[in-house]
Protein backbone atom coordinates (compact mmCIF):
# COMPACT_ATOMS: atom_id res chain seq x y z
CA MET A 1 0.91 40.76 -16.74
CA ASN A 2 -0.39 37.61 -15.13
CA ARG A 3 0.61 36.37 -11.77
CA ARG A 4 2.85 33.33 -11.76
CA ILE A 5 2.13 30.78 -9.12
CA ALA A 6 4.35 27.71 -8.56
CA ILE A 7 3.16 25.05 -6.48
CA ILE A 8 5.56 22.28 -5.41
CA GLY A 9 3.93 19.35 -4.51
CA ALA A 10 0.69 17.73 -6.36
CA GLY A 11 -0.75 15.73 -3.42
CA THR A 12 -3.79 16.67 -1.97
CA GLY A 13 -2.60 19.85 -0.53
CA GLY A 14 -1.01 21.02 -3.75
CA THR A 15 -4.06 19.81 -6.01
CA LEU A 16 -6.62 21.58 -3.85
CA THR A 17 -4.60 24.72 -3.79
CA ALA A 18 -3.95 25.02 -7.39
CA ASN A 19 -7.74 24.27 -8.28
CA ARG A 20 -8.87 26.95 -5.62
CA LEU A 21 -6.39 29.44 -6.89
CA HIS A 22 -7.60 28.72 -10.57
CA ARG A 23 -11.14 29.34 -9.52
CA GLU A 24 -10.28 32.33 -7.82
CA TYR A 25 -7.96 33.96 -10.55
CA GLY A 26 -8.76 32.12 -13.63
CA ASP A 27 -6.78 33.54 -16.63
CA GLU A 28 -5.29 35.89 -14.37
CA ALA A 29 -3.01 33.66 -13.12
CA GLU A 30 -0.41 31.28 -14.56
CA ILE A 31 -0.36 28.36 -12.12
CA THR A 32 2.35 25.57 -12.46
CA VAL A 33 2.30 22.26 -10.22
CA ILE A 34 5.57 20.39 -9.85
CA ASP A 35 5.65 16.89 -8.76
CA THR A 36 8.06 14.08 -9.23
CA GLU A 37 4.97 11.49 -9.54
CA GLY A 38 2.79 11.45 -12.68
CA ASP A 39 0.12 9.81 -10.87
CA HIS A 40 -2.09 10.91 -7.91
CA VAL A 41 -2.82 8.52 -5.21
CA TYR A 42 -5.67 9.01 -2.97
CA GLN A 43 -4.06 8.97 0.31
CA PRO A 44 -7.06 8.20 2.48
CA GLY A 45 -7.87 5.39 0.35
CA LEU A 46 -4.79 3.41 1.12
CA LEU A 47 -6.25 2.64 4.50
CA PHE A 48 -8.89 0.44 2.76
CA VAL A 49 -6.53 -1.67 0.66
CA PRO A 50 -5.36 -3.93 3.39
CA PHE A 51 -8.89 -4.96 3.96
CA GLY A 52 -10.00 -5.25 0.24
CA ILE A 53 -12.49 -2.67 0.44
CA SER A 54 -10.35 -0.63 -2.10
CA GLU A 55 -8.26 -1.86 -4.88
CA PRO A 56 -5.22 0.04 -5.89
CA GLU A 57 -6.33 0.96 -9.15
CA ASP A 58 -9.41 2.47 -7.55
CA ILE A 59 -7.41 5.27 -5.74
CA VAL A 60 -5.09 6.29 -8.51
CA ARG A 61 -5.57 8.72 -10.97
CA PRO A 62 -3.39 10.83 -13.54
CA ARG A 63 -2.68 14.29 -12.35
CA SER A 64 -4.35 15.59 -15.57
CA LYS A 65 -7.55 14.27 -14.24
CA GLN A 66 -7.00 15.98 -10.80
CA LEU A 67 -5.90 19.49 -11.96
CA HIS A 68 -8.52 21.78 -13.64
CA ALA A 69 -7.76 22.83 -17.38
CA GLY A 70 -5.61 25.72 -17.61
CA ILE A 71 -3.11 24.46 -14.71
CA ARG A 72 0.05 23.49 -15.86
CA PHE A 73 1.56 20.33 -14.58
CA LEU A 74 5.24 19.93 -14.70
CA PRO A 75 6.63 16.50 -13.71
CA GLY A 76 10.25 16.71 -12.29
CA GLU A 77 12.36 16.61 -9.08
CA VAL A 78 13.06 20.32 -7.47
CA GLU A 79 16.62 20.57 -7.02
CA ARG A 80 16.71 24.06 -5.43
CA VAL A 81 14.75 27.22 -4.88
CA GLU A 82 16.38 30.49 -5.54
CA THR A 83 14.50 32.82 -3.58
CA GLU A 84 16.51 35.89 -4.74
CA ALA A 85 15.66 35.20 -8.20
CA SER A 86 12.09 33.88 -7.49
CA THR A 87 12.97 30.47 -9.47
CA VAL A 88 12.27 26.86 -8.65
CA HIS A 89 14.99 24.88 -10.41
CA LEU A 90 14.43 21.17 -11.39
CA ALA A 91 17.07 18.22 -11.55
CA ASP A 92 16.64 18.27 -15.28
CA GLY A 93 17.88 21.98 -15.65
CA THR A 94 14.36 23.61 -16.33
CA GLY A 95 13.76 26.77 -14.32
CA VAL A 96 10.18 27.74 -13.41
CA GLY A 97 9.92 31.51 -12.48
CA TYR A 98 7.27 32.65 -9.85
CA ASP A 99 5.76 35.61 -8.11
CA VAL A 100 4.08 33.40 -5.47
CA LEU A 101 5.46 30.15 -4.24
CA VAL A 102 3.45 27.39 -2.68
CA ILE A 103 5.25 24.70 -0.60
CA ALA A 104 3.02 21.57 -0.50
CA SER A 105 5.42 18.75 -0.49
CA GLY A 106 3.51 16.86 2.08
CA ALA A 107 5.26 14.52 4.55
CA ARG A 108 7.68 11.59 3.70
CA LEU A 109 7.71 8.55 5.76
CA LEU A 110 11.12 7.42 7.29
CA PRO A 111 10.61 4.09 8.97
CA GLU A 112 14.33 3.40 8.95
CA GLU A 113 14.59 6.28 11.42
CA THR A 114 12.91 4.10 14.04
CA GLU A 115 15.50 1.49 15.51
CA GLY A 116 14.73 -1.93 14.63
CA LEU A 117 11.41 -1.43 12.64
CA THR A 118 12.76 -2.11 9.12
CA GLY A 119 14.91 -4.95 10.52
CA PRO A 120 13.82 -8.64 10.44
CA GLY A 121 10.19 -9.15 9.66
CA TRP A 122 9.77 -5.61 7.97
CA GLY A 123 7.30 -6.56 5.01
CA GLU A 124 6.63 -10.18 6.52
CA LYS A 125 5.24 -9.40 10.07
CA VAL A 126 5.64 -5.73 10.22
CA PHE A 127 3.83 -3.15 7.79
CA SER A 128 2.79 0.15 7.06
CA PHE A 129 -0.12 1.28 5.01
CA TYR A 130 0.74 4.76 4.06
CA GLU A 131 2.43 3.67 0.84
CA MET A 132 0.76 1.62 -2.13
CA ASP A 133 3.34 -1.29 -1.96
CA ASP A 134 2.95 -1.48 1.84
CA ALA A 135 -0.78 -1.39 1.83
CA VAL A 136 -0.75 -4.10 -0.81
CA ALA A 137 1.75 -6.21 1.19
CA LEU A 138 -0.55 -5.87 4.16
CA HIS A 139 -3.68 -7.06 2.39
CA GLU A 140 -1.64 -10.11 1.25
CA ALA A 141 -0.50 -10.80 4.97
CA LEU A 142 -4.07 -10.25 6.33
CA ASN A 143 -5.54 -12.72 3.67
CA GLY A 144 -2.98 -15.44 5.13
CA PHE A 145 -3.62 -14.43 8.89
CA ASP A 146 -5.42 -17.01 10.84
CA GLY A 147 -5.44 -15.49 14.11
CA GLY A 148 -2.96 -14.02 16.80
CA ARG A 149 -1.95 -10.95 18.37
CA VAL A 150 -1.86 -7.49 16.05
CA VAL A 151 0.03 -4.34 17.67
CA VAL A 152 -0.83 -1.02 15.89
CA ASN A 153 1.74 1.34 16.89
CA PRO A 154 2.00 4.90 15.37
CA ILE A 155 5.58 5.07 16.81
CA GLU A 156 5.77 8.99 17.71
CA MET A 157 4.22 12.09 16.57
CA PRO A 158 3.59 13.65 14.31
CA VAL A 159 1.93 11.05 12.37
CA LYS A 160 1.02 11.43 8.85
CA CYS A 161 -2.62 11.18 9.28
CA PRO A 162 -2.95 11.21 13.11
CA VAL A 163 -6.57 9.36 13.15
CA ALA A 164 -5.40 6.48 10.64
CA PRO A 165 -3.95 4.25 13.30
CA LEU A 166 -7.02 4.09 15.21
CA GLU A 167 -9.21 3.55 12.31
CA PHE A 168 -7.11 0.85 11.05
CA CYS A 169 -7.93 -0.86 14.37
CA PHE A 170 -11.55 -0.50 13.74
CA LEU A 171 -11.36 -1.79 10.37
CA LEU A 172 -9.13 -4.76 11.57
CA ASP A 173 -11.83 -5.43 14.31
CA TRP A 174 -14.35 -5.66 11.54
CA PHE A 175 -12.18 -7.88 9.15
CA LEU A 176 -11.39 -10.20 11.90
CA HIS A 177 -15.43 -10.64 12.84
CA LYS A 178 -16.01 -11.08 9.17
CA HIS A 179 -13.64 -13.76 8.75
CA GLY A 180 -14.39 -15.56 11.99
CA LEU A 181 -11.08 -14.74 13.55
CA ARG A 182 -11.77 -12.15 16.22
CA GLU A 183 -12.12 -14.86 19.17
CA ARG A 184 -8.57 -15.81 18.36
CA SER A 185 -7.17 -12.32 17.87
CA SER A 186 -6.20 -9.65 20.06
CA ILE A 187 -5.66 -6.06 18.91
CA THR A 188 -3.31 -3.82 20.83
CA TYR A 189 -3.13 0.02 20.05
């Protein structure tokens, strides 16, 4: 009997885990990856969208192109995990049995948890770049930026990608120089 491996989350961690397990076990394991999204967004690429270095379509691919042949992708929302019965239950009533369960659901951003952050100015003068819509909105704002003060604030730890805010500062410095705005701008980290 084949080993059944269920992986909750098809982001970078879940995808890499599924592909490595498939390479290790081949047909000896039935691997099912569960995620709510049918497309995979290459998260590190989001950092480049605000500066026009990457376009959104460059960093989005169907899950089927990311997972090796022989790995089952199951789109759906996990409702609960029943460990006693070794079953993942999806919101649509589907049950996925497993011998081994991998949780790779990643981090979820909650900007509303920081008092005042999503208040007036959110999406106009206050931005994030960790989600596609936010990175695109920031790109539009930077294209209309004519100088001033930019504050990059990681808020508090943990940060989804701890080095990304600092990388953003370096890219912003480059962007401002490129557009002749560096002398009229300040960057505060």
